[in-house]
Amino acid sequence: MAEEIKVKKGKSTKVKETLRVIKYALCAGSAGLIETLSFTLLNETMNWPYWPSYLIALVLSVLWNFTLNRKFTYRSANNVPKAMFQTFCFYLVFTPLTTIGGNFFAENLGVNNYVVLIGTMALNFITEYLYQRFYVFRATIDTNDVAERAGEKQLSEAERKALEAEAQKEANA
């Protein structure tokens, strides 16, 4: 895979990735707050069993987390429906496993609902970051208007080739 060229020299890759992880943690933290508050509301006031409370809370947090991370963490201008579908595919596996598993721990083994919730949220935090970073947004990181305003927009392959051709033409002139 050809290395992307930056429009403007920016931070080192290591610094950018560290900042990306911090941004992801902040976005995921806000999604975790949404998940915890909605779970608590449904679990405590409605007295629902673990699984419907968890499922509704998870959906709310995923929508929030996807939106924030696409815009600010990965700064991706990729096809939103495609990225949403790819994220949906992740949750086709993650959701049943954690809903059934979490319900088993909470209802059958008597593990506190909030201990189960914290465990699934930690698992979600790690696996979703890896999935989005290296699958969903890997080729479109730093391509949106936020990255452009920061002077760190990555060029597409076509843009890179056009700039190289222009530089070669100028060098030959």
N, C-alpha and C. Protein backbone atom coordinates (compact mmCIF):
# COMPACT_ATOMS: atom_id res chain seq x y z
N MET A 1 0.85 -1.18 0.00
CA MET A 1 0.00 0.00 0.00
C MET A 1 0.89 1.24 0.00
N ALA A 2 0.61 2.13 -0.88
CA ALA A 2 1.41 3.35 -1.00
C ALA A 2 1.20 4.23 0.23
N GLU A 3 2.27 4.84 0.67
CA GLU A 3 2.17 5.71 1.85
C GLU A 3 1.51 7.02 1.46
N GLU A 4 0.59 7.49 2.30
CA GLU A 4 -0.13 8.73 2.03
C GLU A 4 0.81 9.92 2.26
N ILE A 5 0.63 10.97 1.47
CA ILE A 5 1.41 12.20 1.61
C ILE A 5 0.52 13.23 2.29
N LYS A 6 1.05 13.94 3.25
CA LYS A 6 0.28 14.96 3.94
C LYS A 6 0.31 16.26 3.15
N VAL A 7 -0.80 17.01 3.22
CA VAL A 7 -0.84 18.32 2.57
C VAL A 7 0.16 19.24 3.26
N LYS A 8 0.23 19.16 4.56
CA LYS A 8 1.12 20.02 5.32
C LYS A 8 1.81 19.14 6.37
N LYS A 9 3.09 19.37 6.57
CA LYS A 9 3.79 18.58 7.59
C LYS A 9 3.12 18.82 8.93
N GLY A 10 2.85 17.73 9.62
CA GLY A 10 2.18 17.83 10.91
C GLY A 10 2.95 17.07 11.96
N LYS A 11 2.20 16.54 12.90
CA LYS A 11 2.79 15.80 14.00
C LYS A 11 3.32 14.46 13.51
N SER A 12 4.21 13.87 14.28
CA SER A 12 4.72 12.55 13.93
C SER A 12 3.59 11.54 14.04
N THR A 13 3.75 10.42 13.37
CA THR A 13 2.73 9.38 13.37
C THR A 13 2.46 8.88 14.78
N LYS A 14 3.51 8.70 15.57
CA LYS A 14 3.35 8.21 16.94
C LYS A 14 2.52 9.18 17.77
N VAL A 15 2.79 10.46 17.66
CA VAL A 15 2.04 11.47 18.41
C VAL A 15 0.58 11.50 17.92
N LYS A 16 0.39 11.45 16.60
CA LYS A 16 -0.97 11.47 16.05
C LYS A 16 -1.77 10.26 16.52
N GLU A 17 -1.14 9.09 16.54
CA GLU A 17 -1.86 7.89 16.98
C GLU A 17 -2.16 7.93 18.47
N THR A 18 -1.24 8.48 19.25
CA THR A 18 -1.49 8.63 20.69
C THR A 18 -2.67 9.57 20.91
N LEU A 19 -2.68 10.69 20.19
CA LEU A 19 -3.79 11.64 20.29
C LEU A 19 -5.10 10.99 19.82
N ARG A 20 -5.01 10.15 18.78
CA ARG A 20 -6.21 9.47 18.26
C ARG A 20 -6.79 8.54 19.33
N VAL A 21 -5.93 7.82 20.04
CA VAL A 21 -6.39 6.93 21.10
C VAL A 21 -7.05 7.75 22.23
N ILE A 22 -6.45 8.88 22.56
CA ILE A 22 -7.03 9.74 23.61
C ILE A 22 -8.39 10.27 23.17
N LYS A 23 -8.48 10.73 21.92
CA LYS A 23 -9.77 11.21 21.40
C LYS A 23 -10.80 10.09 21.42
N TYR A 24 -10.38 8.88 21.01
CA TYR A 24 -11.30 7.75 21.02
C TYR A 24 -11.78 7.49 22.45
N ALA A 25 -10.87 7.52 23.40
CA ALA A 25 -11.24 7.27 24.80
C ALA A 25 -12.24 8.31 25.30
N LEU A 26 -12.05 9.56 24.91
CA LEU A 26 -12.99 10.62 25.33
C LEU A 26 -14.37 10.41 24.69
N CYS A 27 -14.38 10.11 23.39
CA CYS A 27 -15.65 9.86 22.71
C CYS A 27 -16.33 8.62 23.28
N ALA A 28 -15.55 7.57 23.48
CA ALA A 28 -16.10 6.33 24.03
C ALA A 28 -16.57 6.55 25.47
N GLY A 29 -15.87 7.41 26.19
CA GLY A 29 -16.30 7.73 27.56
C GLY A 29 -17.65 8.41 27.57
N SER A 30 -17.87 9.32 26.62
CA SER A 30 -19.18 9.98 26.56
C SER A 30 -20.26 8.97 26.14
N ALA A 31 -19.90 8.05 25.24
CA ALA A 31 -20.86 7.00 24.86
C ALA A 31 -21.12 6.06 26.03
N GLY A 32 -20.08 5.80 26.81
CA GLY A 32 -20.24 4.96 28.00
C GLY A 32 -21.16 5.61 29.02
N LEU A 33 -21.07 6.92 29.13
CA LEU A 33 -21.96 7.66 30.03
C LEU A 33 -23.41 7.53 29.55
N ILE A 34 -23.61 7.67 28.26
CA ILE A 34 -24.96 7.50 27.69
C ILE A 34 -25.46 6.09 27.95
N GLU A 35 -24.60 5.11 27.72
CA GLU A 35 -25.00 3.71 27.93
C GLU A 35 -25.33 3.45 29.39
N THR A 36 -24.49 3.94 30.29
CA THR A 36 -24.71 3.71 31.72
C THR A 36 -25.99 4.40 32.21
N LEU A 37 -26.18 5.66 31.80
CA LEU A 37 -27.37 6.38 32.24
C LEU A 37 -28.66 5.76 31.69
N SER A 38 -28.66 5.40 30.40
CA SER A 38 -29.87 4.81 29.84
C SER A 38 -30.11 3.42 30.42
N PHE A 39 -29.04 2.65 30.65
CA PHE A 39 -29.19 1.33 31.29
C PHE A 39 -29.76 1.49 32.69
N THR A 40 -29.21 2.42 33.45
CA THR A 40 -29.68 2.65 34.82
C THR A 40 -31.14 3.08 34.84
N LEU A 41 -31.50 3.99 33.94
CA LEU A 41 -32.88 4.44 33.85
C LEU A 41 -33.83 3.26 33.59
N LEU A 42 -33.49 2.44 32.62
CA LEU A 42 -34.35 1.31 32.28
C LEU A 42 -34.32 0.22 33.34
N ASN A 43 -33.16 -0.03 33.90
CA ASN A 43 -33.01 -1.09 34.89
C ASN A 43 -33.66 -0.72 36.23
N GLU A 44 -33.48 0.51 36.65
CA GLU A 44 -33.96 0.92 37.98
C GLU A 44 -35.41 1.41 37.98
N THR A 45 -35.77 2.26 37.03
CA THR A 45 -37.11 2.82 37.06
C THR A 45 -38.15 1.91 36.42
N MET A 46 -37.76 1.20 35.36
CA MET A 46 -38.70 0.30 34.69
C MET A 46 -38.62 -1.12 35.25
N ASN A 47 -37.54 -1.37 36.00
CA ASN A 47 -37.31 -2.69 36.59
C ASN A 47 -37.30 -3.79 35.53
N TRP A 48 -36.71 -3.49 34.38
CA TRP A 48 -36.61 -4.46 33.30
C TRP A 48 -35.50 -5.46 33.59
N PRO A 49 -35.57 -6.62 32.97
CA PRO A 49 -34.46 -7.56 33.08
C PRO A 49 -33.20 -6.97 32.42
N TYR A 50 -32.08 -7.64 32.63
CA TYR A 50 -30.81 -7.14 32.12
C TYR A 50 -30.83 -6.93 30.61
N TRP A 51 -31.24 -7.94 29.85
CA TRP A 51 -31.01 -7.90 28.40
C TRP A 51 -31.72 -6.77 27.67
N PRO A 52 -33.01 -6.44 27.91
CA PRO A 52 -33.57 -5.31 27.14
C PRO A 52 -32.97 -3.97 27.55
N SER A 53 -32.66 -3.83 28.83
CA SER A 53 -32.02 -2.59 29.29
C SER A 53 -30.67 -2.41 28.61
N TYR A 54 -29.89 -3.49 28.58
CA TYR A 54 -28.56 -3.45 27.96
C TYR A 54 -28.66 -3.19 26.47
N LEU A 55 -29.57 -3.87 25.80
CA LEU A 55 -29.68 -3.76 24.34
C LEU A 55 -30.03 -2.34 23.91
N ILE A 56 -31.00 -1.72 24.56
CA ILE A 56 -31.39 -0.35 24.22
C ILE A 56 -30.24 0.62 24.54
N ALA A 57 -29.62 0.44 25.68
CA ALA A 57 -28.50 1.31 26.06
C ALA A 57 -27.33 1.17 25.09
N LEU A 58 -27.07 -0.05 24.65
CA LEU A 58 -25.98 -0.29 23.70
C LEU A 58 -26.25 0.41 22.37
N VAL A 59 -27.45 0.29 21.86
CA VAL A 59 -27.79 0.93 20.58
C VAL A 59 -27.61 2.44 20.66
N LEU A 60 -28.08 3.04 21.73
CA LEU A 60 -27.93 4.49 21.90
C LEU A 60 -26.45 4.90 21.94
N SER A 61 -25.65 4.14 22.67
CA SER A 61 -24.23 4.50 22.79
C SER A 61 -23.48 4.26 21.49
N VAL A 62 -23.84 3.23 20.74
CA VAL A 62 -23.16 2.94 19.48
C VAL A 62 -23.41 4.06 18.47
N LEU A 63 -24.65 4.51 18.37
CA LEU A 63 -24.97 5.60 17.44
C LEU A 63 -24.18 6.86 17.78
N TRP A 64 -24.14 7.19 19.05
CA TRP A 64 -23.40 8.37 19.51
C TRP A 64 -21.90 8.21 19.23
N ASN A 65 -21.35 7.06 19.63
CA ASN A 65 -19.93 6.80 19.50
C ASN A 65 -19.48 6.79 18.03
N PHE A 66 -20.25 6.17 17.16
CA PHE A 66 -19.90 6.12 15.74
C PHE A 66 -19.85 7.53 15.17
N THR A 67 -20.86 8.32 15.46
CA THR A 67 -20.94 9.67 14.92
C THR A 67 -19.75 10.53 15.37
N LEU A 68 -19.46 10.52 16.66
CA LEU A 68 -18.34 11.32 17.17
C LEU A 68 -16.99 10.84 16.65
N ASN A 69 -16.79 9.53 16.69
CA ASN A 69 -15.48 9.00 16.27
C ASN A 69 -15.22 9.20 14.79
N ARG A 70 -16.23 9.05 13.95
CA ARG A 70 -16.03 9.26 12.52
C ARG A 70 -15.60 10.69 12.25
N LYS A 71 -16.25 11.63 12.93
CA LYS A 71 -15.98 13.05 12.68
C LYS A 71 -14.69 13.54 13.35
N PHE A 72 -14.46 13.18 14.60
CA PHE A 72 -13.38 13.80 15.36
C PHE A 72 -12.17 12.91 15.63
N THR A 73 -12.37 11.62 15.85
CA THR A 73 -11.24 10.74 16.13
C THR A 73 -10.54 10.32 14.86
N TYR A 74 -11.32 9.77 13.92
CA TYR A 74 -10.73 9.27 12.67
C TYR A 74 -10.76 10.32 11.57
N ARG A 75 -11.55 11.37 11.77
CA ARG A 75 -11.68 12.48 10.82
C ARG A 75 -11.82 11.94 9.39
N SER A 76 -12.82 11.09 9.24
CA SER A 76 -13.01 10.37 7.99
C SER A 76 -14.11 10.97 7.13
N ALA A 77 -13.81 11.10 5.85
CA ALA A 77 -14.79 11.60 4.88
C ALA A 77 -15.32 10.45 4.04
N ASN A 78 -15.16 9.22 4.53
CA ASN A 78 -15.57 8.08 3.71
C ASN A 78 -17.09 7.99 3.61
N ASN A 79 -17.54 7.06 2.84
CA ASN A 79 -18.95 6.81 2.60
C ASN A 79 -19.61 6.43 3.93
N VAL A 80 -20.45 7.31 4.48
CA VAL A 80 -21.04 7.08 5.79
C VAL A 80 -21.91 5.82 5.82
N PRO A 81 -22.80 5.60 4.83
CA PRO A 81 -23.58 4.35 4.88
C PRO A 81 -22.69 3.10 4.87
N LYS A 82 -21.61 3.13 4.12
CA LYS A 82 -20.70 1.98 4.08
C LYS A 82 -20.05 1.78 5.45
N ALA A 83 -19.56 2.86 6.05
CA ALA A 83 -18.92 2.76 7.36
C ALA A 83 -19.94 2.31 8.42
N MET A 84 -21.16 2.81 8.32
CA MET A 84 -22.19 2.38 9.27
C MET A 84 -22.51 0.90 9.09
N PHE A 85 -22.55 0.44 7.85
CA PHE A 85 -22.81 -0.97 7.59
C PHE A 85 -21.68 -1.84 8.15
N GLN A 86 -20.44 -1.40 7.95
CA GLN A 86 -19.31 -2.15 8.49
C GLN A 86 -19.37 -2.21 10.02
N THR A 87 -19.74 -1.10 10.64
CA THR A 87 -19.89 -1.08 12.09
C THR A 87 -21.07 -1.96 12.52
N PHE A 88 -22.15 -1.91 11.74
CA PHE A 88 -23.31 -2.78 12.00
C PHE A 88 -22.89 -4.25 11.99
N CYS A 89 -22.03 -4.62 11.04
CA CYS A 89 -21.55 -6.01 10.95
C CYS A 89 -20.79 -6.41 12.21
N PHE A 90 -20.00 -5.49 12.77
CA PHE A 90 -19.30 -5.75 14.03
C PHE A 90 -20.32 -6.06 15.12
N TYR A 91 -21.37 -5.25 15.17
CA TYR A 91 -22.36 -5.42 16.22
C TYR A 91 -23.30 -6.60 15.98
N LEU A 92 -23.34 -7.12 14.75
CA LEU A 92 -24.08 -8.36 14.51
C LEU A 92 -23.47 -9.52 15.29
N VAL A 93 -22.18 -9.45 15.52
CA VAL A 93 -21.49 -10.47 16.30
C VAL A 93 -21.43 -10.06 17.77
N PHE A 94 -21.00 -8.84 18.04
CA PHE A 94 -20.79 -8.38 19.41
C PHE A 94 -22.08 -8.36 20.23
N THR A 95 -23.16 -7.85 19.66
CA THR A 95 -24.40 -7.66 20.42
C THR A 95 -25.01 -8.97 20.92
N PRO A 96 -25.21 -9.98 20.07
CA PRO A 96 -25.77 -11.22 20.61
C PRO A 96 -24.87 -11.87 21.65
N LEU A 97 -23.56 -11.85 21.40
CA LEU A 97 -22.65 -12.47 22.37
C LEU A 97 -22.72 -11.79 23.73
N THR A 98 -22.68 -10.46 23.73
CA THR A 98 -22.69 -9.76 25.02
C THR A 98 -24.08 -9.69 25.64
N THR A 99 -25.12 -9.69 24.82
CA THR A 99 -26.49 -9.68 25.38
C THR A 99 -26.79 -11.02 26.03
N ILE A 100 -26.53 -12.10 25.32
CA ILE A 100 -26.79 -13.43 25.87
C ILE A 100 -25.84 -13.74 27.02
N GLY A 101 -24.55 -13.45 26.80
CA GLY A 101 -23.57 -13.69 27.85
C GLY A 101 -23.82 -12.84 29.08
N GLY A 102 -24.09 -11.57 28.86
CA GLY A 102 -24.36 -10.68 29.98
C GLY A 102 -25.61 -11.08 30.74
N ASN A 103 -26.64 -11.46 30.02
CA ASN A 103 -27.88 -11.90 30.66
C ASN A 103 -27.62 -13.18 31.47
N PHE A 104 -26.81 -14.09 30.94
CA PHE A 104 -26.48 -15.32 31.66
C PHE A 104 -25.78 -15.00 32.97
N PHE A 105 -24.77 -14.11 32.90
CA PHE A 105 -24.05 -13.75 34.12
C PHE A 105 -24.96 -13.04 35.13
N ALA A 106 -25.79 -12.13 34.64
CA ALA A 106 -26.64 -11.34 35.54
C ALA A 106 -27.81 -12.16 36.09
N GLU A 107 -28.51 -12.88 35.23
CA GLU A 107 -29.73 -13.57 35.66
C GLU A 107 -29.48 -14.97 36.23
N ASN A 108 -28.55 -15.72 35.66
CA ASN A 108 -28.33 -17.10 36.09
C ASN A 108 -27.26 -17.24 37.16
N LEU A 109 -26.19 -16.45 37.05
CA LEU A 109 -25.10 -16.56 38.01
C LEU A 109 -25.19 -15.52 39.12
N GLY A 110 -26.10 -14.59 38.99
CA GLY A 110 -26.31 -13.59 40.03
C GLY A 110 -25.24 -12.51 40.11
N VAL A 111 -24.46 -12.34 39.04
CA VAL A 111 -23.46 -11.27 39.03
C VAL A 111 -24.20 -9.94 38.94
N ASN A 112 -23.75 -8.97 39.69
CA ASN A 112 -24.38 -7.65 39.69
C ASN A 112 -24.47 -7.10 38.28
N ASN A 113 -25.64 -6.56 37.92
CA ASN A 113 -25.87 -6.02 36.58
C ASN A 113 -24.82 -5.00 36.17
N TYR A 114 -24.39 -4.18 37.10
CA TYR A 114 -23.44 -3.11 36.78
C TYR A 114 -22.02 -3.67 36.58
N VAL A 115 -21.69 -4.74 37.26
CA VAL A 115 -20.40 -5.40 37.04
C VAL A 115 -20.37 -5.99 35.63
N VAL A 116 -21.48 -6.61 35.23
CA VAL A 116 -21.59 -7.18 33.88
C VAL A 116 -21.51 -6.05 32.85
N LEU A 117 -22.23 -4.98 33.09
CA LEU A 117 -22.23 -3.84 32.17
C LEU A 117 -20.83 -3.26 32.00
N ILE A 118 -20.11 -3.08 33.09
CA ILE A 118 -18.75 -2.54 33.02
C ILE A 118 -17.84 -3.48 32.22
N GLY A 119 -17.99 -4.78 32.43
CA GLY A 119 -17.19 -5.75 31.69
C GLY A 119 -17.46 -5.70 30.19
N THR A 120 -18.73 -5.62 29.82
CA THR A 120 -19.06 -5.57 28.39
C THR A 120 -18.62 -4.23 27.78
N MET A 121 -18.70 -3.17 28.55
CA MET A 121 -18.26 -1.87 28.04
C MET A 121 -16.75 -1.86 27.82
N ALA A 122 -15.99 -2.47 28.70
CA ALA A 122 -14.53 -2.55 28.53
C ALA A 122 -14.18 -3.38 27.30
N LEU A 123 -14.87 -4.50 27.12
CA LEU A 123 -14.66 -5.33 25.94
C LEU A 123 -15.01 -4.57 24.67
N ASN A 124 -16.10 -3.84 24.71
CA ASN A 124 -16.54 -3.04 23.57
C ASN A 124 -15.52 -1.95 23.26
N PHE A 125 -15.02 -1.28 24.27
CA PHE A 125 -14.04 -0.21 24.10
C PHE A 125 -12.83 -0.69 23.30
N ILE A 126 -12.28 -1.81 23.69
CA ILE A 126 -11.07 -2.33 23.06
C ILE A 126 -11.35 -2.88 21.66
N THR A 127 -12.34 -3.73 21.54
CA THR A 127 -12.59 -4.38 20.24
C THR A 127 -13.11 -3.41 19.20
N GLU A 128 -13.95 -2.46 19.60
CA GLU A 128 -14.47 -1.51 18.62
C GLU A 128 -13.37 -0.57 18.13
N TYR A 129 -12.47 -0.15 19.02
CA TYR A 129 -11.37 0.70 18.58
C TYR A 129 -10.54 -0.02 17.51
N LEU A 130 -10.16 -1.23 17.79
CA LEU A 130 -9.35 -1.99 16.85
C LEU A 130 -10.08 -2.20 15.52
N TYR A 131 -11.34 -2.54 15.60
CA TYR A 131 -12.14 -2.80 14.39
C TYR A 131 -12.27 -1.53 13.55
N GLN A 132 -12.61 -0.42 14.19
CA GLN A 132 -12.79 0.82 13.43
C GLN A 132 -11.46 1.35 12.91
N ARG A 133 -10.44 1.32 13.72
CA ARG A 133 -9.14 1.87 13.33
C ARG A 133 -8.52 1.10 12.17
N PHE A 134 -8.58 -0.23 12.25
CA PHE A 134 -7.86 -1.04 11.26
C PHE A 134 -8.75 -1.65 10.18
N TYR A 135 -10.06 -1.44 10.27
CA TYR A 135 -10.94 -1.95 9.22
C TYR A 135 -11.84 -0.87 8.64
N VAL A 136 -12.69 -0.30 9.47
CA VAL A 136 -13.70 0.64 8.96
C VAL A 136 -13.07 1.91 8.40
N PHE A 137 -12.18 2.54 9.15
CA PHE A 137 -11.64 3.85 8.75
C PHE A 137 -10.18 3.81 8.29
N ARG A 138 -9.56 2.64 8.21
CA ARG A 138 -8.12 2.53 7.95
C ARG A 138 -7.65 3.32 6.73
N ALA A 139 -8.42 3.29 5.65
CA ALA A 139 -7.97 3.95 4.41
C ALA A 139 -8.45 5.39 4.29
N THR A 140 -9.28 5.84 5.22
CA THR A 140 -9.85 7.19 5.09
C THR A 140 -9.59 8.07 6.31
N ILE A 141 -8.64 7.70 7.13
CA ILE A 141 -8.31 8.51 8.31
C ILE A 141 -7.75 9.86 7.86
N ASP A 142 -8.19 10.91 8.52
CA ASP A 142 -7.73 12.28 8.27
C ASP A 142 -8.05 12.75 6.85
N THR A 143 -9.25 12.50 6.40
CA THR A 143 -9.65 12.93 5.06
C THR A 143 -10.82 13.91 5.07
N ASN A 144 -11.35 14.25 6.23
CA ASN A 144 -12.52 15.14 6.25
C ASN A 144 -12.14 16.61 6.43
N ASP A 145 -13.14 17.45 6.54
CA ASP A 145 -12.93 18.89 6.67
C ASP A 145 -12.23 19.27 7.97
N VAL A 146 -12.42 18.51 9.03
CA VAL A 146 -11.75 18.79 10.31
C VAL A 146 -10.24 18.61 10.13
N ALA A 147 -9.84 17.54 9.48
CA ALA A 147 -8.42 17.29 9.22
C ALA A 147 -7.85 18.35 8.28
N GLU A 148 -8.65 18.76 7.31
CA GLU A 148 -8.19 19.78 6.37
C GLU A 148 -7.95 21.11 7.08
N ARG A 149 -8.88 21.51 7.95
CA ARG A 149 -8.71 22.75 8.70
C ARG A 149 -7.49 22.69 9.62
N ALA A 150 -7.17 21.49 10.11
CA ALA A 150 -6.00 21.32 10.97
C ALA A 150 -4.72 21.24 10.15
N GLY A 151 -4.84 21.23 8.83
CA GLY A 151 -3.68 21.15 7.97
C GLY A 151 -3.06 19.77 7.93
N GLU A 152 -3.84 18.75 8.25
CA GLU A 152 -3.32 17.40 8.30
C GLU A 152 -4.10 16.45 7.40
N LYS A 153 -4.77 16.99 6.41
CA LYS A 153 -5.57 16.15 5.53
C LYS A 153 -4.67 15.24 4.71
N GLN A 154 -5.03 13.98 4.67
CA GLN A 154 -4.30 13.00 3.87
C GLN A 154 -4.80 13.06 2.44
N LEU A 155 -3.91 12.88 1.52
CA LEU A 155 -4.29 12.89 0.11
C LEU A 155 -4.73 11.50 -0.34
N SER A 156 -5.69 11.48 -1.24
CA SER A 156 -6.07 10.22 -1.84
C SER A 156 -4.96 9.79 -2.80
N GLU A 157 -5.02 8.55 -3.23
CA GLU A 157 -4.01 8.04 -4.17
C GLU A 157 -3.98 8.87 -5.44
N ALA A 158 -5.15 9.24 -5.95
CA ALA A 158 -5.22 10.04 -7.18
C ALA A 158 -4.62 11.43 -6.98
N GLU A 159 -4.93 12.07 -5.84
CA GLU A 159 -4.37 13.38 -5.54
C GLU A 159 -2.85 13.31 -5.40
N ARG A 160 -2.39 12.26 -4.76
CA ARG A 160 -0.95 12.08 -4.56
C ARG A 160 -0.24 11.93 -5.90
N LYS A 161 -0.80 11.10 -6.79
CA LYS A 161 -0.20 10.89 -8.10
C LYS A 161 -0.20 12.17 -8.92
N ALA A 162 -1.27 12.95 -8.84
CA ALA A 162 -1.34 14.21 -9.58
C ALA A 162 -0.26 15.18 -9.08
N LEU A 163 -0.07 15.26 -7.76
CA LEU A 163 0.97 16.14 -7.21
C LEU A 163 2.36 15.66 -7.60
N GLU A 164 2.58 14.35 -7.59
CA GLU A 164 3.87 13.81 -8.00
C GLU A 164 4.14 14.12 -9.45
N ALA A 165 3.12 13.97 -10.31
CA ALA A 165 3.28 14.26 -11.74
C ALA A 165 3.59 15.73 -11.96
N GLU A 166 2.88 16.59 -11.20
CA GLU A 166 3.11 18.04 -11.31
C GLU A 166 4.53 18.39 -10.85
N ALA A 167 4.99 17.77 -9.77
CA ALA A 167 6.34 18.02 -9.26
C ALA A 167 7.37 17.53 -10.26
N GLN A 168 7.11 16.40 -10.89
CA GLN A 168 8.04 15.85 -11.89
C GLN A 168 8.11 16.77 -13.10
N LYS A 169 6.94 17.31 -13.52
CA LYS A 169 6.88 18.22 -14.66
C LYS A 169 7.69 19.48 -14.37
N GLU A 170 7.53 20.02 -13.13
CA GLU A 170 8.26 21.22 -12.75
C GLU A 170 9.77 20.94 -12.67
N ALA A 171 10.13 19.75 -12.22
CA ALA A 171 11.55 19.40 -12.13
C ALA A 171 12.18 19.27 -13.50
N ASN A 172 11.42 18.83 -14.49
CA ASN A 172 11.92 18.66 -15.86
C ASN A 172 11.95 19.98 -16.63
N ALA A 173 11.23 20.96 -16.15
CA ALA A 173 11.15 22.24 -16.88
C ALA A 173 12.36 23.11 -16.67
